[in-house]
């Protein structure tokens, strides 16, 4: 069976490249495989047939690059949702628009079975919860594009930690990645909650106010999103430190996880994963069972979009359960919102957030 797909938003992650991740001369000019459109292109079972954007110039560039018929290039998402019958809709707009576009798509005449929403799920917990509720009411599966969940090595590592108890009881985790918290660090925080299968309970944070995206995106205004970090106590008892303050050019995504049966070091920029088994008080280095090499942006991330699209095919066919739900995405969003709240109140923040705090919005792109 062949499924039809449409995309709302024709920016970098939709299929035209992202500054800092792709060659600058290719961005906005050539189609990029590590994207939503690239994911669809890699699947014989999905045809990308329609696209929408409010920017007509970007819309035409995208439509030409990805060979979308001119009559199916829509100015504004409302026009596409009214005219098309789609099995899957990608939401690739800035994060502050995810709420509106996911809800509009779920309730539309297009009647998608799956909405593939770019990360982060939203800029506000209340908005994310409404997105989840509307998708449940309309029978729409909401898949959030936390890309690392769709990589083979991370899935294998989670199995080792959660099902085979490789590290025993997780006691301490230290993490590091680049600013900004919503735009970039959601990758790190979702990986954290994914590997630990845990939710934050207490958060204390510091916000730097530094933001690289204003210059790199040539944005016309400032936003709240910035570098930051702090500590998190998870509901499994583990203590987590977070440092997402570094600029892109000097940052590395690192995890150092210590458990009662061993420890694990992961660097997803240098491509180094190391594992030590704890025996009689000594840490003995060994290879990770069943995993060859380490996770890298050049290999694993590039294939994540094709893997995600393949997973969506399985979800559509009823052969798999959603591996990146809205509820899962809220786990990382809660931590980010709590870091900002803690910084601005000078106190620790408890999760789940109290009702008024769930309305706090962190502006980003």
Protein backbone atom coordinates (compact mmCIF):
# COMPACT_ATOMS: atom_id res chain seq x y z
CA UNK A 1 0.00 0.00 0.00
CA UNK A 2 1.17 3.53 -0.78
CA UNK A 3 0.48 6.36 1.66
CA UNK A 4 0.32 10.07 0.82
CA UNK A 5 2.14 12.78 2.79
CA UNK A 6 2.12 16.55 2.98
CA UNK A 7 4.43 19.00 4.74
CA UNK A 8 3.56 22.24 6.52
CA UNK A 9 6.62 24.52 6.51
CA UNK A 10 9.41 24.45 3.91
CA UNK A 11 12.41 25.38 6.06
CA UNK A 12 15.60 23.48 6.77
CA UNK A 13 14.27 20.47 8.62
CA UNK A 14 11.54 19.99 6.02
CA UNK A 15 14.13 19.30 3.37
CA UNK A 16 16.29 22.32 2.49
CA UNK A 17 19.14 22.17 5.02
CA UNK A 18 20.17 23.65 8.36
CA UNK A 19 23.01 26.09 8.99
CA UNK A 20 25.77 24.40 11.00
CA UNK A 21 24.74 20.92 9.87
CA UNK A 22 24.87 21.13 6.07
CA UNK A 23 27.08 22.86 3.52
CA UNK A 24 26.15 26.53 3.47
CA UNK A 25 26.07 26.69 -0.33
CA UNK A 26 23.47 23.89 -0.40
CA UNK A 27 21.06 25.34 2.17
CA UNK A 28 17.84 26.51 0.56
CA UNK A 29 19.05 25.40 -2.87
CA UNK A 30 19.33 21.61 -2.80
CA UNK A 31 17.23 18.90 -1.24
CA UNK A 32 18.72 17.43 1.94
CA UNK A 33 18.12 13.77 2.70
CA UNK A 34 18.37 14.21 6.52
CA UNK A 35 14.92 15.80 6.62
CA UNK A 36 11.20 15.02 6.63
CA UNK A 37 11.07 15.07 2.83
CA UNK A 38 14.20 12.93 2.72
CA UNK A 39 12.60 10.44 5.09
CA UNK A 40 9.56 10.14 2.85
CA UNK A 41 11.77 9.87 -0.22
CA UNK A 42 13.54 6.88 1.31
CA UNK A 43 10.25 4.95 1.68
CA UNK A 44 8.62 3.25 -1.29
CA UNK A 45 5.37 3.17 0.69
CA UNK A 46 5.08 6.98 1.09
CA UNK A 47 4.63 9.60 -1.62
CA UNK A 48 5.20 13.25 -0.71
CA UNK A 49 2.45 14.89 -2.75
CA UNK A 50 1.79 18.33 -1.24
CA UNK A 51 3.48 21.14 0.65
CA UNK A 52 2.41 24.43 2.25
CA UNK A 53 4.12 27.61 3.43
CA UNK A 54 3.22 31.29 3.86
CA UNK A 55 6.51 32.29 2.21
CA UNK A 56 5.90 31.89 -1.52
CA UNK A 57 9.57 32.11 -2.45
CA UNK A 58 10.56 29.32 -0.05
CA UNK A 59 7.54 27.32 -1.18
CA UNK A 60 8.60 27.48 -4.82
CA UNK A 61 12.22 26.58 -4.04
CA UNK A 62 11.12 23.58 -2.01
CA UNK A 63 8.52 22.49 -4.54
CA UNK A 64 11.04 22.64 -7.36
CA UNK A 65 13.76 20.80 -5.43
CA UNK A 66 11.43 18.01 -4.30
CA UNK A 67 9.41 17.88 -7.53
CA UNK A 68 6.04 18.75 -6.01
CA UNK A 69 3.49 19.66 -8.73
CA UNK A 70 2.82 23.39 -8.85
CA UNK A 71 -0.89 22.91 -8.22
CA UNK A 72 -0.07 21.11 -4.94
CA UNK A 73 2.14 23.87 -3.56
CA UNK A 74 -0.18 25.74 -1.22
CA UNK A 75 0.23 29.26 0.17
CA UNK A 76 -0.80 28.70 3.78
CA UNK A 77 -1.49 25.40 5.53
CA UNK A 78 -5.26 25.95 5.57
CA UNK A 79 -5.43 25.66 1.78
CA UNK A 80 -3.54 22.36 1.75
CA UNK A 81 -5.60 20.89 4.59
CA UNK A 82 -8.85 21.80 2.81
CA UNK A 83 -7.85 20.44 -0.59
CA UNK A 84 -5.85 17.29 0.16
CA UNK A 85 -6.63 13.82 1.53
CA UNK A 86 -3.41 12.83 3.35
CA UNK A 87 -2.30 9.86 5.40
CA UNK A 88 0.63 11.69 7.01
CA UNK A 89 1.28 15.37 7.64
CA UNK A 90 4.64 16.75 8.74
CA UNK A 91 4.67 19.92 10.84
CA UNK A 92 8.04 21.56 10.18
CA UNK A 93 7.25 25.12 11.24
CA UNK A 94 8.90 27.05 14.11
CA UNK A 95 8.16 25.59 17.54
CA UNK A 96 5.74 28.35 18.57
CA UNK A 97 3.50 27.34 15.64
CA UNK A 98 3.46 23.58 16.32
CA UNK A 99 0.40 23.87 18.56
CA UNK A 100 -1.75 25.63 15.95
CA UNK A 101 -0.59 23.54 13.01
CA UNK A 102 -0.92 20.14 14.69
CA UNK A 103 -4.44 20.92 15.93
CA UNK A 104 -5.50 22.35 12.58
CA UNK A 105 -4.17 19.27 10.80
CA UNK A 106 -5.80 16.82 13.20
CA UNK A 107 -9.21 18.49 12.82
CA UNK A 108 -8.96 19.10 9.08
CA UNK A 109 -10.69 17.56 6.09
CA UNK A 110 -7.33 16.02 5.15
CA UNK A 111 -7.94 13.51 8.00
CA UNK A 112 -4.34 12.36 8.52
CA UNK A 113 -3.78 9.12 10.41
CA UNK A 114 -0.35 10.34 11.57
CA UNK A 115 1.08 13.79 12.27
CA UNK A 116 4.88 13.85 12.30
CA UNK A 117 5.70 16.95 14.36
CA UNK A 118 9.17 18.40 14.55
CA UNK A 119 10.76 18.77 18.01
CA UNK A 120 10.24 20.34 20.48
CA UNK A 121 6.57 19.43 20.68
CA UNK A 122 5.61 22.97 21.76
CA UNK A 123 6.76 26.06 23.65
CA UNK A 124 4.34 25.51 26.52
CA UNK A 125 3.19 22.42 28.45
CA UNK A 126 -0.49 23.36 28.22
CA UNK A 127 -0.19 23.67 24.44
CA UNK A 128 1.47 20.26 24.21
CA UNK A 129 -1.28 18.71 26.32
CA UNK A 130 -3.98 20.18 24.06
CA UNK A 131 -2.19 18.84 20.99
CA UNK A 132 -2.18 15.37 22.54
CA UNK A 133 -5.84 15.62 23.55
CA UNK A 134 -7.04 16.75 20.12
CA UNK A 135 -5.06 14.01 18.38
CA UNK A 136 -6.61 11.44 20.70
CA UNK A 137 -10.10 12.83 20.02
CA UNK A 138 -9.60 12.68 16.25
CA UNK A 139 -7.87 9.29 16.23
CA UNK A 140 -4.62 10.81 14.96
CA UNK A 141 -1.27 9.39 15.99
CA UNK A 142 1.12 12.19 17.05
CA UNK A 143 4.75 11.26 16.38
CA UNK A 144 7.29 13.79 17.68
CA UNK A 145 10.56 13.92 15.75
CA UNK A 146 13.08 13.39 18.52
CA UNK A 147 15.49 11.95 15.99
CA UNK A 148 17.75 9.96 18.30
CA UNK A 149 14.88 7.61 19.18
CA UNK A 150 14.87 6.48 15.56
CA UNK A 151 18.54 5.43 15.48
CA UNK A 152 19.47 1.77 15.81
CA UNK A 153 22.33 2.24 18.27
CA UNK A 154 20.31 4.27 20.75
CA UNK A 155 17.45 1.80 20.58
CA UNK A 156 19.91 -1.04 21.26
CA UNK A 157 21.47 0.90 24.15
CA UNK A 158 18.08 1.52 25.73
CA UNK A 159 17.36 -2.20 25.56
CA UNK A 160 20.67 -2.91 27.31
CA UNK A 161 19.94 -0.38 30.06
CA UNK A 162 16.22 -1.02 30.58
CA UNK A 163 15.67 -4.66 29.69
CA UNK A 164 19.06 -6.25 30.32
CA UNK A 165 19.96 -4.07 33.33
CA UNK A 166 23.46 -3.42 31.97
CA UNK A 167 24.23 -0.59 34.42
CA UNK A 168 22.03 -1.70 37.30
CA UNK A 169 20.31 1.08 39.25
CA UNK A 170 21.14 4.42 37.64
CA UNK A 171 22.61 6.71 40.29
CA UNK A 172 24.18 9.71 38.54
CA UNK A 173 24.20 11.24 35.08
CA UNK A 174 26.17 14.24 33.83
CA UNK A 175 25.29 15.73 30.44
CA UNK A 176 26.54 18.47 28.14
CA UNK A 177 25.35 19.97 24.84
CA UNK A 178 25.02 23.24 22.97
CA UNK A 179 22.63 26.12 23.55
CA UNK A 180 19.70 26.84 23.04
CA UNK A 181 17.51 24.79 25.39
CA UNK A 182 14.36 24.48 23.24
CA UNK A 183 15.89 24.63 19.78
CA UNK A 184 18.79 22.23 20.38
CA UNK A 185 18.98 20.81 23.90
CA UNK A 186 15.62 19.07 23.57
CA UNK A 187 17.67 16.41 21.72
CA UNK A 188 19.82 15.81 24.79
CA UNK A 189 16.98 15.89 27.31
CA UNK A 190 14.78 13.54 25.30
CA UNK A 191 17.71 11.15 25.00
CA UNK A 192 18.08 11.32 28.78
CA UNK A 193 14.46 10.45 29.56
CA UNK A 194 14.45 7.84 26.77
CA UNK A 195 17.49 5.96 28.09
CA UNK A 196 16.43 6.20 31.73
CA UNK A 197 12.72 5.71 31.02
CA UNK A 198 12.20 8.24 33.80
CA UNK A 199 10.54 11.58 34.47
CA UNK A 200 11.93 14.57 36.32
CA UNK A 201 10.69 15.27 39.86
CA UNK A 202 12.76 18.28 41.00
CA UNK A 203 14.60 20.84 38.86
CA UNK A 204 16.98 23.71 39.70
CA UNK A 205 18.22 25.85 36.83
CA UNK A 206 20.38 28.68 35.52
CA UNK A 207 19.74 30.53 32.24
CA UNK A 208 22.60 32.35 30.49
CA UNK A 209 20.50 34.52 28.17
CA UNK A 210 22.88 33.73 25.28
CA UNK A 211 21.35 32.76 21.95
CA UNK A 212 23.21 31.94 18.73
CA UNK A 213 20.09 31.58 16.61
CA UNK A 214 19.41 35.32 16.36
CA UNK A 215 22.46 35.75 14.14
CA UNK A 216 22.47 32.36 12.40
CA UNK A 217 18.81 32.62 11.40
CA UNK A 218 19.06 36.35 10.68
CA UNK A 219 16.07 36.73 12.98
CA UNK A 220 14.44 40.11 13.36
CA UNK A 221 13.73 39.79 17.07
CA UNK A 222 15.04 38.30 20.29
CA UNK A 223 13.44 35.25 21.93
CA UNK A 224 13.59 33.70 25.40
CA UNK A 225 15.34 30.54 24.26
CA UNK A 226 18.98 30.50 25.33
CA UNK A 227 21.74 28.48 26.91
CA UNK A 228 21.22 27.07 30.37
CA UNK A 229 21.55 24.16 32.71
CA UNK A 230 21.20 22.98 36.28
CA UNK A 231 20.36 19.79 38.09
CA UNK A 232 17.43 17.39 37.91
CA UNK A 233 16.35 14.69 40.35
CA UNK A 234 14.53 11.97 38.39
CA UNK A 235 11.70 9.79 39.66
CA UNK A 236 14.01 6.76 39.54
CA UNK A 237 16.22 8.46 42.15
CA UNK A 238 19.06 9.38 39.77
CA UNK A 239 20.76 12.78 40.03
CA UNK A 240 21.37 14.54 36.71
CA UNK A 241 23.49 17.59 35.91
CA UNK A 242 22.80 19.49 32.70
CA UNK A 243 25.16 21.92 30.94
CA UNK A 244 23.74 23.30 27.70
CA UNK A 245 25.59 26.59 27.65
CA UNK A 246 28.20 26.15 24.92
CA UNK A 247 28.15 27.56 21.38
CA UNK A 248 27.79 25.07 18.55
CA UNK A 249 31.42 25.28 17.38
CA UNK A 250 32.87 24.20 20.75
CA UNK A 251 30.13 21.90 22.06
CA UNK A 252 29.94 18.12 22.29
CA UNK A 253 26.92 16.05 23.21
CA UNK A 254 28.16 13.96 26.11
CA UNK A 255 26.63 11.65 28.71
CA UNK A 256 28.40 10.09 31.67
CA UNK A 257 26.07 7.55 33.29
CA UNK A 258 26.98 5.77 36.52
CA UNK A 259 25.00 2.84 37.87
CA UNK A 260 25.29 0.21 40.56
CA UNK A 261 26.67 -2.35 38.05
CA UNK A 262 28.81 -0.22 35.76
CA UNK A 263 29.30 3.09 33.96
CA UNK A 264 28.95 4.44 30.44
CA UNK A 265 30.57 7.36 28.63
CA UNK A 266 28.94 8.62 25.44
CA UNK A 267 30.20 11.38 23.16
CA UNK A 268 28.00 11.76 20.11
CA UNK A 269 30.23 14.37 18.46
CA UNK A 270 33.58 12.58 18.74
CA UNK A 271 31.93 9.22 18.10
CA UNK A 272 33.18 7.56 21.27
CA UNK A 273 31.10 5.27 23.49
CA UNK A 274 32.86 3.44 26.34
CA UNK A 275 31.47 0.97 28.87
CA UNK A 276 32.91 -0.34 32.15
CA UNK A 277 31.47 -3.25 34.13
CA UNK A 278 31.73 -2.94 37.93
CA UNK A 279 33.23 -6.01 39.58
CA UNK A 280 34.37 -6.18 43.22
CA UNK A 281 34.80 -2.43 43.38
CA UNK A 282 36.78 -2.17 40.13
CA UNK A 283 35.53 -0.82 36.81
CA UNK A 284 36.57 -3.13 33.98
CA UNK A 285 36.26 -1.76 30.45
CA UNK A 286 34.44 -3.93 27.93
CA UNK A 287 32.71 -3.56 24.58
CA UNK A 288 29.03 -2.74 24.63
CA UNK A 289 27.16 -5.97 23.90
CA UNK A 290 25.70 -6.02 20.41
CA UNK A 291 26.75 -2.46 19.49
CA UNK A 292 29.58 -1.82 17.06
CA UNK A 293 31.11 1.64 17.17
CA UNK A 294 29.45 4.76 18.54
CA UNK A 295 26.57 7.01 17.57
CA UNK A 296 27.58 9.80 15.16
CA UNK A 297 25.86 12.73 13.50
CA UNK A 298 27.39 11.80 10.15
CA UNK A 299 25.93 8.30 10.10
CA UNK A 300 23.19 7.65 12.64
CA UNK A 301 21.56 11.10 12.57
CA UNK A 302 21.58 11.12 8.76
CA UNK A 303 19.63 7.85 8.73
CA UNK A 304 17.24 8.84 11.53
CA UNK A 305 14.71 10.47 9.20
CA UNK A 306 14.47 7.45 6.91
CA UNK A 307 14.10 5.27 10.01
CA UNK A 308 11.38 7.55 11.39
CA UNK A 309 9.47 7.43 8.10
CA UNK A 310 9.80 3.65 8.09
CA UNK A 311 8.44 3.57 11.64
CA UNK A 312 5.51 5.73 10.53
CA UNK A 313 4.73 3.21 7.77
CA UNK A 314 4.64 0.48 10.41
CA UNK A 315 2.37 2.60 12.62
CA UNK A 316 0.03 3.25 9.69
CA UNK A 317 -0.07 -0.47 8.89
CA UNK A 318 -0.83 -1.33 12.52
CA UNK A 319 2.45 -3.21 12.86
CA UNK A 320 4.09 -0.98 15.49
CA UNK A 321 3.20 1.23 18.42
CA UNK A 322 4.24 4.89 18.34
CA UNK A 323 7.83 5.10 19.61
CA UNK A 324 7.90 8.86 20.15
CA UNK A 325 4.56 10.01 21.55
CA UNK A 326 3.45 13.43 22.67
CA UNK A 327 3.40 12.24 26.27
CA UNK A 328 7.05 11.21 25.96
CA UNK A 329 7.90 14.59 24.42
CA UNK A 330 6.38 16.42 27.40
CA UNK A 331 9.00 14.83 29.67
CA UNK A 332 11.81 16.85 28.10
CA UNK A 333 9.66 19.98 27.67
CA UNK A 334 8.81 19.99 31.40
CA UNK A 335 12.52 20.01 32.28
CA UNK A 336 13.20 22.94 29.95
CA UNK A 337 10.29 25.01 31.26
CA UNK A 338 11.31 24.18 34.84
CA UNK A 339 14.89 25.37 34.24
CA UNK A 340 13.54 28.78 33.20
CA UNK A 341 11.10 28.90 36.11
CA UNK A 342 13.81 28.00 38.60
CA UNK A 343 16.18 30.66 37.27
CA UNK A 344 13.53 33.37 37.43
CA UNK A 345 12.16 32.45 40.86
CA UNK A 346 15.42 31.51 42.54
CA UNK A 347 13.97 28.24 43.80
CA UNK A 348 13.59 24.60 42.93
CA UNK A 349 10.63 23.53 40.78
CA UNK A 350 8.60 20.37 41.26
CA UNK A 351 7.32 18.27 38.35
CA UNK A 352 4.60 17.71 37.27
CA UNK A 353 4.26 21.47 37.09
CA UNK A 354 1.42 23.06 39.04
CA UNK A 355 -1.46 24.13 36.78
CA UNK A 356 -0.62 27.87 36.44
CA UNK A 357 3.01 27.03 35.62
CA UNK A 358 1.92 24.79 32.75
CA UNK A 359 0.93 27.96 30.88
CA UNK A 360 4.46 29.42 30.96
CA UNK A 361 5.73 29.97 27.41
CA UNK A 362 9.39 30.07 26.31
CA UNK A 363 9.61 31.82 22.94
CA UNK A 364 11.83 30.23 20.31
CA UNK A 365 11.85 29.33 16.61
